[in-house]
Amino acid sequence: MDSFKVVLEGPAPWGFRLQGGKDFNVPLSISRLTPGGKAAQAGVVVGDWVLSIDGENAGSLTHIEAQNKIRACGERLRLGLSRAQPAQSKPQKVGSGRAPGGGR
């Protein structure tokens, strides 16, 4: 799991939508990005988990509390995010080097 911070310069819109929250028993995460928006330009991707909003741990926030906290940020929004490692692509099957049917 990689965690990182992004700072978005305001004002809103920040260019992302949240899902989850303590009230849903699901961690807060990014559910949608505006193409070319501030969050996308900062390297945020759909599926990133929101660990903190403006320095406050987001794990205990309900959905609406998180939204309100983001709205209250004004000119600068600091997010602590976590990204699951990308799924490893399956290794290519490597042949044994023998050509099929070596006999007559």
PDB file of N, CA and C in Angstrom:
ATOM      1  N   MET A   1       0.843  -1.180   0.000  1.00  0.00           N
ATOM      2  CA  MET A   1       0.000   0.000   0.000  1.00  0.00           C
ATOM      3  C   MET A   1       0.890   1.245   0.000  1.00  0.00           C
ATOM      4  N   ASP A   2       0.700   2.105  -0.960  1.00  0.00           N
ATOM      5  CA  ASP A   2       1.462   3.349  -1.018  1.00  0.00           C
ATOM      6  C   ASP A   2       0.602   4.480  -0.499  1.00  0.00           C
ATOM      7  N   SER A   3       1.114   5.248   0.467  1.00  0.00           N
ATOM      8  CA  SER A   3       0.380   6.433   0.903  1.00  0.00           C
ATOM      9  C   SER A   3       1.164   7.670   0.465  1.00  0.00           C
ATOM     10  N   PHE A   4       0.427   8.712   0.170  1.00  0.00           N
ATOM     11  CA  PHE A   4       1.041   9.939  -0.338  1.00  0.00           C
ATOM     12  C   PHE A   4       0.110  11.107  -0.049  1.00  0.00           C
ATOM     13  N   LYS A   5       0.633  12.299  -0.199  1.00  0.00           N
ATOM     14  CA  LYS A   5      -0.167  13.497   0.047  1.00  0.00           C
ATOM     15  C   LYS A   5      -0.260  14.316  -1.231  1.00  0.00           C
ATOM     16  N   VAL A   6      -1.394  14.946  -1.417  1.00  0.00           N
ATOM     17  CA  VAL A   6      -1.548  15.894  -2.516  1.00  0.00           C
ATOM     18  C   VAL A   6      -2.081  17.195  -1.927  1.00  0.00           C
ATOM     19  N   VAL A   7      -1.684  18.288  -2.538  1.00  0.00           N
ATOM     20  CA  VAL A   7      -2.189  19.605  -2.163  1.00  0.00           C
ATOM     21  C   VAL A   7      -2.826  20.195  -3.409  1.00  0.00           C
ATOM     22  N   LEU A   8      -4.106  20.486  -3.318  1.00  0.00           N
ATOM     23  CA  LEU A   8      -4.833  21.085  -4.435  1.00  0.00           C
ATOM     24  C   LEU A   8      -5.024  22.567  -4.130  1.00  0.00           C
ATOM     25  N   GLU A   9      -4.649  23.400  -5.082  1.00  0.00           N
ATOM     26  CA  GLU A   9      -4.803  24.846  -4.911  1.00  0.00           C
ATOM     27  C   GLU A   9      -6.217  25.241  -5.326  1.00  0.00           C
ATOM     28  N   GLY A  10      -6.880  25.992  -4.464  1.00  0.00           N
ATOM     29  CA  GLY A  10      -8.264  26.368  -4.685  1.00  0.00           C
ATOM     30  C   GLY A  10      -8.411  27.549  -5.606  1.00  0.00           C
ATOM     31  N   PRO A  11      -9.616  27.965  -5.744  1.00  0.00           N
ATOM     32  CA  PRO A  11     -10.806  27.490  -5.040  1.00  0.00           C
ATOM     33  C   PRO A  11     -11.410  26.249  -5.698  1.00  0.00           C
ATOM     34  N   ALA A  12     -12.451  25.699  -5.031  1.00  0.00           N
ATOM     35  CA  ALA A  12     -13.197  24.576  -5.588  1.00  0.00           C
ATOM     36  C   ALA A  12     -13.786  25.008  -6.930  1.00  0.00           C
ATOM     37  N   PRO A  13     -14.177  24.111  -7.817  1.00  0.00           N
ATOM     38  CA  PRO A  13     -14.292  22.663  -7.626  1.00  0.00           C
ATOM     39  C   PRO A  13     -12.934  21.963  -7.670  1.00  0.00           C
ATOM     40  N   TRP A  14     -12.854  20.893  -6.858  1.00  0.00           N
ATOM     41  CA  TRP A  14     -11.612  20.144  -6.745  1.00  0.00           C
ATOM     42  C   TRP A  14     -11.506  19.053  -7.796  1.00  0.00           C
ATOM     43  N   GLY A  15     -12.634  18.675  -8.371  1.00  0.00           N
ATOM     44  CA  GLY A  15     -12.601  17.719  -9.477  1.00  0.00           C
ATOM     45  C   GLY A  15     -12.655  16.261  -9.077  1.00  0.00           C
ATOM     46  N   PHE A  16     -13.266  15.967  -7.928  1.00  0.00           N
ATOM     47  CA  PHE A  16     -13.434  14.557  -7.557  1.00  0.00           C
ATOM     48  C   PHE A  16     -14.702  14.386  -6.748  1.00  0.00           C
ATOM     49  N   ARG A  17     -15.129  13.138  -6.665  1.00  0.00           N
ATOM     50  CA  ARG A  17     -16.294  12.795  -5.852  1.00  0.00           C
ATOM     51  C   ARG A  17     -15.888  11.707  -4.865  1.00  0.00           C
ATOM     52  N   LEU A  18     -16.404  11.823  -3.654  1.00  0.00           N
ATOM     53  CA  LEU A  18     -16.116  10.846  -2.602  1.00  0.00           C
ATOM     54  C   LEU A  18     -17.195   9.777  -2.544  1.00  0.00           C
ATOM     55  N   GLN A  19     -16.790   8.612  -2.051  1.00  0.00           N
ATOM     56  CA  GLN A  19     -17.775   7.595  -1.673  1.00  0.00           C
ATOM     57  C   GLN A  19     -17.334   7.021  -0.336  1.00  0.00           C
ATOM     58  N   GLY A  20     -18.293   6.399   0.355  1.00  0.00           N
ATOM     59  CA  GLY A  20     -17.982   5.758   1.628  1.00  0.00           C
ATOM     60  C   GLY A  20     -18.052   6.719   2.792  1.00  0.00           C
ATOM     61  N   GLY A  21     -17.510   6.268   3.923  1.00  0.00           N
ATOM     62  CA  GLY A  21     -17.536   7.033   5.164  1.00  0.00           C
ATOM     63  C   GLY A  21     -17.908   6.116   6.314  1.00  0.00           C
ATOM     64  N   LYS A  22     -17.661   6.605   7.521  1.00  0.00           N
ATOM     65  CA  LYS A  22     -17.920   5.794   8.714  1.00  0.00           C
ATOM     66  C   LYS A  22     -19.373   5.317   8.758  1.00  0.00           C
ATOM     67  N   ASP A  23     -20.285   6.177   8.306  1.00  0.00           N
ATOM     68  CA  ASP A  23     -21.705   5.821   8.355  1.00  0.00           C
ATOM     69  C   ASP A  23     -22.048   4.695   7.379  1.00  0.00           C
ATOM     70  N   PHE A  24     -21.180   4.440   6.405  1.00  0.00           N
ATOM     71  CA  PHE A  24     -21.412   3.346   5.454  1.00  0.00           C
ATOM     72  C   PHE A  24     -20.557   2.119   5.778  1.00  0.00           C
ATOM     73  N   ASN A  25     -19.738   2.230   6.832  1.00  0.00           N
ATOM     74  CA  ASN A  25     -18.796   1.165   7.177  1.00  0.00           C
ATOM     75  C   ASN A  25     -17.869   0.815   6.020  1.00  0.00           C
ATOM     76  N   VAL A  26     -17.547   1.816   5.222  1.00  0.00           N
ATOM     77  CA  VAL A  26     -16.650   1.650   4.083  1.00  0.00           C
ATOM     78  C   VAL A  26     -15.666   2.818   4.130  1.00  0.00           C
ATOM     79  N   PRO A  27     -14.373   2.561   3.949  1.00  0.00           N
ATOM     80  CA  PRO A  27     -13.428   3.681   3.977  1.00  0.00           C
ATOM     81  C   PRO A  27     -13.754   4.713   2.897  1.00  0.00           C
ATOM     82  N   LEU A  28     -13.483   5.966   3.198  1.00  0.00           N
ATOM     83  CA  LEU A  28     -13.661   7.027   2.206  1.00  0.00           C
ATOM     84  C   LEU A  28     -12.722   6.784   1.041  1.00  0.00           C
ATOM     85  N   SER A  29     -13.241   6.935  -0.163  1.00  0.00           N
ATOM     86  CA  SER A  29     -12.392   6.779  -1.333  1.00  0.00           C
ATOM     87  C   SER A  29     -12.892   7.674  -2.455  1.00  0.00           C
ATOM     88  N   ILE A  30     -12.049   7.809  -3.467  1.00  0.00           N
ATOM     89  CA  ILE A  30     -12.371   8.626  -4.631  1.00  0.00           C
ATOM     90  C   ILE A  30     -13.200   7.772  -5.584  1.00  0.00           C
ATOM     91  N   SER A  31     -14.409   8.237  -5.889  1.00  0.00           N
ATOM     92  CA  SER A  31     -15.282   7.437  -6.759  1.00  0.00           C
ATOM     93  C   SER A  31     -15.345   7.975  -8.179  1.00  0.00           C
ATOM     94  N   ARG A  32     -14.997   9.254  -8.358  1.00  0.00           N
ATOM     95  CA  ARG A  32     -15.087   9.827  -9.703  1.00  0.00           C
ATOM     96  C   ARG A  32     -14.131  11.007  -9.796  1.00  0.00           C
ATOM     97  N   LEU A  33     -13.556  11.186 -10.970  1.00  0.00           N
ATOM     98  CA  LEU A  33     -12.686  12.330 -11.226  1.00  0.00           C
ATOM     99  C   LEU A  33     -13.202  13.098 -12.423  1.00  0.00           C
ATOM    100  N   THR A  34     -13.045  14.403 -12.370  1.00  0.00           N
ATOM    101  CA  THR A  34     -13.335  15.236 -13.531  1.00  0.00           C
ATOM    102  C   THR A  34     -12.099  15.220 -14.423  1.00  0.00           C
ATOM    103  N   PRO A  35     -12.232  14.775 -15.680  1.00  0.00           N
ATOM    104  CA  PRO A  35     -11.058  14.765 -16.558  1.00  0.00           C
ATOM    105  C   PRO A  35     -10.442  16.160 -16.638  1.00  0.00           C
ATOM    106  N   GLY A  36      -9.149  16.238 -16.407  1.00  0.00           N
ATOM    107  CA  GLY A  36      -8.460  17.521 -16.454  1.00  0.00           C
ATOM    108  C   GLY A  36      -8.663  18.384 -15.223  1.00  0.00           C
ATOM    109  N   GLY A  37      -9.419  17.879 -14.237  1.00  0.00           N
ATOM    110  CA  GLY A  37      -9.679  18.647 -13.020  1.00  0.00           C
ATOM    111  C   GLY A  37      -8.460  18.704 -12.112  1.00  0.00           C
ATOM    112  N   LYS A  38      -8.575  19.468 -11.039  1.00  0.00           N
ATOM    113  CA  LYS A  38      -7.446  19.679 -10.132  1.00  0.00           C
ATOM    114  C   LYS A  38      -6.942  18.381  -9.525  1.00  0.00           C
ATOM    115  N   ALA A  39      -7.846  17.506  -9.114  1.00  0.00           N
ATOM    116  CA  ALA A  39      -7.423  16.249  -8.498  1.00  0.00           C
ATOM    117  C   ALA A  39      -6.708  15.364  -9.525  1.00  0.00           C
ATOM    118  N   ALA A  40      -7.265  15.265 -10.726  1.00  0.00           N
ATOM    119  CA  ALA A  40      -6.641  14.439 -11.770  1.00  0.00           C
ATOM    120  C   ALA A  40      -5.254  14.964 -12.111  1.00  0.00           C
ATOM    121  N   GLN A  41      -5.117  16.270 -12.198  1.00  0.00           N
ATOM    122  CA  GLN A  41      -3.812  16.863 -12.523  1.00  0.00           C
ATOM    123  C   GLN A  41      -2.795  16.603 -11.424  1.00  0.00           C
ATOM    124  N   ALA A  42      -3.268  16.431 -10.187  1.00  0.00           N
ATOM    125  CA  ALA A  42      -2.368  16.174  -9.057  1.00  0.00           C
ATOM    126  C   ALA A  42      -2.005  14.695  -8.934  1.00  0.00           C
ATOM    127  N   GLY A  43      -2.564  13.849  -9.810  1.00  0.00           N
ATOM    128  CA  GLY A  43      -2.218  12.431  -9.790  1.00  0.00           C
ATOM    129  C   GLY A  43      -3.167  11.546  -9.006  1.00  0.00           C
ATOM    130  N   VAL A  44      -4.287  12.100  -8.561  1.00  0.00           N
ATOM    131  CA  VAL A  44      -5.292  11.307  -7.856  1.00  0.00           C
ATOM    132  C   VAL A  44      -5.966  10.382  -8.879  1.00  0.00           C
ATOM    133  N   VAL A  45      -6.269   9.151  -8.469  1.00  0.00           N
ATOM    134  CA  VAL A  45      -6.981   8.234  -9.357  1.00  0.00           C
ATOM    135  C   VAL A  45      -8.206   7.668  -8.639  1.00  0.00           C
ATOM    136  N   VAL A  46      -9.184   7.238  -9.428  1.00  0.00           N
ATOM    137  CA  VAL A  46     -10.375   6.606  -8.870  1.00  0.00           C
ATOM    138  C   VAL A  46      -9.943   5.369  -8.086  1.00  0.00           C
ATOM    139  N   GLY A  47     -10.493   5.230  -6.886  1.00  0.00           N
ATOM    140  CA  GLY A  47     -10.146   4.095  -6.042  1.00  0.00           C
ATOM    141  C   GLY A  47      -9.163   4.445  -4.932  1.00  0.00           C
ATOM    142  N   ASP A  48      -8.505   5.609  -5.022  1.00  0.00           N
ATOM    143  CA  ASP A  48      -7.608   6.018  -3.937  1.00  0.00           C
ATOM    144  C   ASP A  48      -8.415   6.159  -2.652  1.00  0.00           C
ATOM    145  N   TRP A  49      -7.850   5.668  -1.547  1.00  0.00           N
ATOM    146  CA  TRP A  49      -8.487   5.817  -0.240  1.00  0.00           C
ATOM    147  C   TRP A  49      -8.056   7.133   0.376  1.00  0.00           C
ATOM    148  N   VAL A  50      -9.010   7.807   1.019  1.00  0.00           N
ATOM    149  CA  VAL A  50      -8.734   9.096   1.651  1.00  0.00           C
ATOM    150  C   VAL A  50      -8.394   8.830   3.117  1.00  0.00           C
ATOM    151  N   LEU A  51      -7.123   9.061   3.472  1.00  0.00           N
ATOM    152  CA  LEU A  51      -6.666   8.824   4.843  1.00  0.00           C
ATOM    153  C   LEU A  51      -6.832  10.057   5.715  1.00  0.00           C
ATOM    154  N   SER A  52      -6.614  11.232   5.125  1.00  0.00           N
ATOM    155  CA  SER A  52      -6.748  12.466   5.902  1.00  0.00           C
ATOM    156  C   SER A  52      -7.223  13.590   5.001  1.00  0.00           C
ATOM    157  N   ILE A  53      -7.921  14.532   5.627  1.00  0.00           N
ATOM    158  CA  ILE A  53      -8.398  15.734   4.942  1.00  0.00           C
ATOM    159  C   ILE A  53      -7.902  16.917   5.753  1.00  0.00           C
ATOM    160  N   ASP A  54      -7.063  17.718   5.146  1.00  0.00           N
ATOM    161  CA  ASP A  54      -6.495  18.899   5.804  1.00  0.00           C
ATOM    162  C   ASP A  54      -5.832  18.520   7.133  1.00  0.00           C
ATOM    163  N   GLY A  55      -5.130  17.381   7.127  1.00  0.00           N
ATOM    164  CA  GLY A  55      -4.381  16.962   8.312  1.00  0.00           C
ATOM    165  C   GLY A  55      -5.166  16.166   9.334  1.00  0.00           C
ATOM    166  N   GLU A  56      -6.479  16.068   9.170  1.00  0.00           N
ATOM    167  CA  GLU A  56      -7.301  15.315  10.139  1.00  0.00           C
ATOM    168  C   GLU A  56      -7.558  13.919   9.611  1.00  0.00           C
ATOM    169  N   ASN A  57      -7.373  12.940  10.482  1.00  0.00           N
ATOM    170  CA  ASN A  57      -7.627  11.555  10.117  1.00  0.00           C
ATOM    171  C   ASN A  57      -9.058  11.416   9.607  1.00  0.00           C
ATOM    172  N   ALA A  58      -9.208  10.846   8.413  1.00  0.00           N
ATOM    173  CA  ALA A  58     -10.533  10.735   7.804  1.00  0.00           C
ATOM    174  C   ALA A  58     -11.228   9.427   8.160  1.00  0.00           C
ATOM    175  N   GLY A  59     -10.535   8.544   8.860  1.00  0.00           N
ATOM    176  CA  GLY A  59     -11.108   7.235   9.161  1.00  0.00           C
ATOM    177  C   GLY A  59     -12.354   7.280  10.030  1.00  0.00           C
ATOM    178  N   SER A  60     -12.485   8.336  10.822  1.00  0.00           N
ATOM    179  CA  SER A  60     -13.638   8.413  11.730  1.00  0.00           C
ATOM    180  C   SER A  60     -14.727   9.334  11.204  1.00  0.00           C
ATOM    181  N   LEU A  61     -14.569   9.847   9.988  1.00  0.00           N
ATOM    182  CA  LEU A  61     -15.541  10.808   9.457  1.00  0.00           C
ATOM    183  C   LEU A  61     -16.689  10.109   8.734  1.00  0.00           C
ATOM    184  N   THR A  62     -17.882  10.632   8.921  1.00  0.00           N
ATOM    185  CA  THR A  62     -19.002  10.181   8.094  1.00  0.00           C
ATOM    186  C   THR A  62     -18.859  10.833   6.720  1.00  0.00           C
ATOM    187  N   HIS A  63     -19.662  10.390   5.800  1.00  0.00           N
ATOM    188  CA  HIS A  63     -19.607  10.925   4.442  1.00  0.00           C
ATOM    189  C   HIS A  63     -19.835  12.440   4.435  1.00  0.00           C
ATOM    190  N   ILE A  64     -20.863  12.882   5.126  1.00  0.00           N
ATOM    191  CA  ILE A  64     -21.193  14.314   5.110  1.00  0.00           C
ATOM    192  C   ILE A  64     -20.143  15.125   5.855  1.00  0.00           C
ATOM    193  N   GLU A  65     -19.574  14.575   6.939  1.00  0.00           N
ATOM    194  CA  GLU A  65     -18.504  15.280   7.651  1.00  0.00           C
ATOM    195  C   GLU A  65     -17.301  15.486   6.735  1.00  0.00           C
ATOM    196  N   ALA A  66     -16.970  14.460   5.961  1.00  0.00           N
ATOM    197  CA  ALA A  66     -15.846  14.573   5.036  1.00  0.00           C
ATOM    198  C   ALA A  66     -16.141  15.625   3.970  1.00  0.00           C
ATOM    199  N   GLN A  67     -17.340  15.600   3.433  1.00  0.00           N
ATOM    200  CA  GLN A  67     -17.707  16.596   2.425  1.00  0.00           C
ATOM    201  C   GLN A  67     -17.626  18.006   3.003  1.00  0.00           C
ATOM    202  N   ASN A  68     -18.134  18.189   4.216  1.00  0.00           N
ATOM    203  CA  ASN A  68     -18.114  19.505   4.841  1.00  0.00           C
ATOM    204  C   ASN A  68     -16.686  19.969   5.108  1.00  0.00           C
ATOM    205  N   LYS A  69     -15.834  19.039   5.512  1.00  0.00           N
ATOM    206  CA  LYS A  69     -14.439  19.371   5.779  1.00  0.00           C
ATOM    207  C   LYS A  69     -13.755  19.829   4.489  1.00  0.00           C
ATOM    208  N   ILE A  70     -14.046  19.144   3.403  1.00  0.00           N
ATOM    209  CA  ILE A  70     -13.473  19.522   2.105  1.00  0.00           C
ATOM    210  C   ILE A  70     -13.995  20.904   1.696  1.00  0.00           C
ATOM    211  N   ARG A  71     -15.284  21.132   1.868  1.00  0.00           N
ATOM    212  CA  ARG A  71     -15.858  22.435   1.515  1.00  0.00           C
ATOM    213  C   ARG A  71     -15.231  23.563   2.328  1.00  0.00           C
ATOM    214  N   ALA A  72     -14.888  23.271   3.582  1.00  0.00           N
ATOM    215  CA  ALA A  72     -14.360  24.305   4.484  1.00  0.00           C
ATOM    216  C   ALA A  72     -12.907  24.656   4.190  1.00  0.00           C
ATOM    217  N   CYS A  73     -12.252  23.898   3.319  1.00  0.00           N
ATOM    218  CA  CYS A  73     -10.820  24.112   3.088  1.00  0.00           C
ATOM    219  C   CYS A  73     -10.519  25.413   2.362  1.00  0.00           C
ATOM    220  N   GLY A  74     -11.439  25.909   1.582  1.00  0.00           N
ATOM    221  CA  GLY A  74     -11.232  27.200   0.941  1.00  0.00           C
ATOM    222  C   GLY A  74     -10.190  27.174  -0.157  1.00  0.00           C
ATOM    223  N   GLU A  75      -9.042  27.812   0.104  1.00  0.00           N
ATOM    224  CA  GLU A  75      -8.058  28.035  -0.963  1.00  0.00           C
ATOM    225  C   GLU A  75      -7.071  26.899  -1.167  1.00  0.00           C
ATOM    226  N   ARG A  76      -6.984  25.979  -0.223  1.00  0.00           N
ATOM    227  CA  ARG A  76      -6.015  24.896  -0.367  1.00  0.00           C
ATOM    228  C   ARG A  76      -6.554  23.649   0.299  1.00  0.00           C
ATOM    229  N   LEU A  77      -6.566  22.558  -0.444  1.00  0.00           N
ATOM    230  CA  LEU A  77      -7.064  21.285   0.085  1.00  0.00           C
ATOM    231  C   LEU A  77      -5.901  20.308   0.151  1.00  0.00           C
ATOM    232  N   ARG A  78      -5.624  19.833   1.364  1.00  0.00           N
ATOM    233  CA  ARG A  78      -4.563  18.836   1.556  1.00  0.00           C
ATOM    234  C   ARG A  78      -5.221  17.487   1.810  1.00  0.00           C
ATOM    235  N   LEU A  79      -4.849  16.515   1.014  1.00  0.00           N
ATOM    236  CA  LEU A  79      -5.396  15.163   1.173  1.00  0.00           C
ATOM    237  C   LEU A  79      -4.263  14.170   1.404  1.00  0.00           C
ATOM    238  N   GLY A  80      -4.462  13.299   2.359  1.00  0.00           N
ATOM    239  CA  GLY A  80      -3.592  12.138   2.520  1.00  0.00           C
ATOM    240  C   GLY A  80      -4.309  10.968   1.883  1.00  0.00           C
ATOM    241  N   LEU A  81      -3.663  10.334   0.921  1.00  0.00           N
ATOM    242  CA  LEU A  81      -4.300   9.269   0.154  1.00  0.00           C
ATOM    243  C   LEU A  81      -3.485   7.992   0.241  1.00  0.00           C
ATOM    244  N   SER A  82      -4.138   6.905  -0.056  1.00  0.00           N
ATOM    245  CA  SER A  82      -3.472   5.613  -0.097  1.00  0.00           C
ATOM    246  C   SER A  82      -3.937   4.891  -1.345  1.00  0.00           C
ATOM    247  N   ARG A  83      -3.004   4.256  -2.007  1.00  0.00           N
ATOM    248  CA  ARG A  83      -3.334   3.559  -3.249  1.00  0.00           C
ATOM    249  C   ARG A  83      -2.940   2.104  -3.109  1.00  0.00           C
ATOM    250  N   ALA A  84      -3.885   1.226  -3.404  1.00  0.00           N
ATOM    251  CA  ALA A  84      -3.557  -0.192  -3.437  1.00  0.00           C
ATOM    252  C   ALA A  84      -2.552  -0.421  -4.563  1.00  0.00           C
ATOM    253  N   GLN A  85      -1.653  -1.336  -4.338  1.00  0.00           N
ATOM    254  CA  GLN A  85      -0.689  -1.641  -5.393  1.00  0.00           C
ATOM    255  C   GLN A  85      -1.452  -2.111  -6.618  1.00  0.00           C
ATOM    256  N   PRO A  86      -1.010  -1.699  -7.807  1.00  0.00           N
ATOM    257  CA  PRO A  86      -1.704  -2.178  -9.007  1.00  0.00           C
ATOM    258  C   PRO A  86      -1.614  -3.697  -9.089  1.00  0.00           C
ATOM    259  N   ALA A  87      -2.654  -4.303  -9.573  1.00  0.00           N
ATOM    260  CA  ALA A  87      -2.647  -5.761  -9.704  1.00  0.00           C
ATOM    261  C   ALA A  87      -1.484  -6.165 -10.603  1.00  0.00           C
ATOM    262  N   GLN A  88      -0.725  -7.105 -10.137  1.00  0.00           N
ATOM    263  CA  GLN A  88       0.413  -7.554 -10.938  1.00  0.00           C
ATOM    264  C   GLN A  88      -0.119  -8.289 -12.161  1.00  0.00           C
ATOM    265  N   SER A  89       0.425  -7.938 -13.307  1.00  0.00           N
ATOM    266  CA  SER A  89      -0.017  -8.646 -14.502  1.00  0.00           C
ATOM    267  C   SER A  89       0.504 -10.081 -14.423  1.00  0.00           C
ATOM    268  N   LYS A  90      -0.280 -10.983 -14.947  1.00  0.00           N
ATOM    269  CA  LYS A  90       0.119 -12.385 -14.881  1.00  0.00           C
ATOM    270  C   LYS A  90       1.373 -12.583 -15.718  1.00  0.00           C
ATOM    271  N   PRO A  91       2.319 -13.351 -15.196  1.00  0.00           N
ATOM    272  CA  PRO A  91       3.540 -13.560 -15.978  1.00  0.00           C
ATOM    273  C   PRO A  91       3.213 -14.266 -17.295  1.00  0.00           C
ATOM    274  N   GLN A  92       3.920 -13.857 -18.324  1.00  0.00           N
ATOM    275  CA  GLN A  92       3.723 -14.491 -19.626  1.00  0.00           C
ATOM    276  C   GLN A  92       4.184 -15.943 -19.537  1.00  0.00           C
ATOM    277  N   LYS A  93       3.420 -16.811 -20.152  1.00  0.00           N
ATOM    278  CA  LYS A  93       3.863 -18.210 -20.190  1.00  0.00           C
ATOM    279  C   LYS A  93       5.042 -18.304 -21.138  1.00  0.00           C
ATOM    280  N   VAL A  94       6.095 -18.860 -20.649  1.00  0.00           N
ATOM    281  CA  VAL A  94       7.292 -18.999 -21.476  1.00  0.00           C
ATOM    282  C   VAL A  94       7.351 -20.448 -21.937  1.00  0.00           C
ATOM    283  N   GLY A  95       7.460 -20.631 -23.235  1.00  0.00           N
ATOM    284  CA  GLY A  95       7.524 -21.989 -23.779  1.00  0.00           C
ATOM    285  C   GLY A  95       8.821 -22.682 -23.378  1.00  0.00           C
ATOM    286  N   SER A  96       8.868 -23.964 -23.545  1.00  0.00           N
ATOM    287  CA  SER A  96      10.043 -24.725 -23.156  1.00  0.00           C
ATOM    288  C   SER A  96      11.168 -24.592 -24.176  1.00  0.00           C
ATOM    289  N   GLY A  97      10.891 -23.959 -25.303  1.00  0.00           N
ATOM    290  CA  GLY A  97      11.923 -23.790 -26.306  1.00  0.00           C
ATOM    291  C   GLY A  97      11.905 -24.902 -27.348  1.00  0.00           C
ATOM    292  N   ARG A  98      11.089 -25.900 -27.127  1.00  0.00           N
ATOM    293  CA  ARG A  98      11.037 -27.006 -28.097  1.00  0.00           C
ATOM    294  C   ARG A  98       9.950 -26.722 -29.120  1.00  0.00           C
ATOM    295  N   ALA A  99      10.242 -27.012 -30.335  1.00  0.00           N
ATOM    296  CA  ALA A  99       9.224 -26.881 -31.366  1.00  0.00           C
ATOM    297  C   ALA A  99       8.282 -28.060 -31.234  1.00  0.00           C
ATOM    298  N   PRO A 100       6.987 -27.837 -31.504  1.00  0.00           N
ATOM    299  CA  PRO A 100       6.053 -28.980 -31.384  1.00  0.00           C
ATOM    300  C   PRO A 100       6.361 -30.030 -32.446  1.00  0.00           C
ATOM    301  N   GLY A 101       6.225 -31.263 -32.061  1.00  0.00           N
ATOM    302  CA  GLY A 101       6.394 -32.396 -32.991  1.00  0.00           C
ATOM    303  C   GLY A 101       7.796 -32.437 -33.606  1.00  0.00           C
ATOM    304  N   GLY A 102       8.760 -32.918 -32.885  1.00  0.00           N
ATOM    305  CA  GLY A 102      10.127 -32.938 -33.395  1.00  0.00           C
ATOM    306  C   GLY A 102      10.451 -34.149 -34.251  1.00  0.00           C
ATOM    307  N   GLY A 103       9.532 -35.103 -34.348  1.00  0.00           N
ATOM    308  CA  GLY A 103       9.854 -36.331 -35.097  1.00  0.00           C
ATOM    309  C   GLY A 103       9.294 -36.313 -36.486  1.00  0.00           C
ATOM    310  N   ARG A 104       9.430 -37.478 -37.187  1.00  0.00           N
ATOM    311  CA  ARG A 104       8.869 -37.580 -38.529  1.00  0.00           C
ATOM    312  C   ARG A 104       7.453 -38.043 -38.517  1.00  0.00           C
TER     313      ARG A 104
END
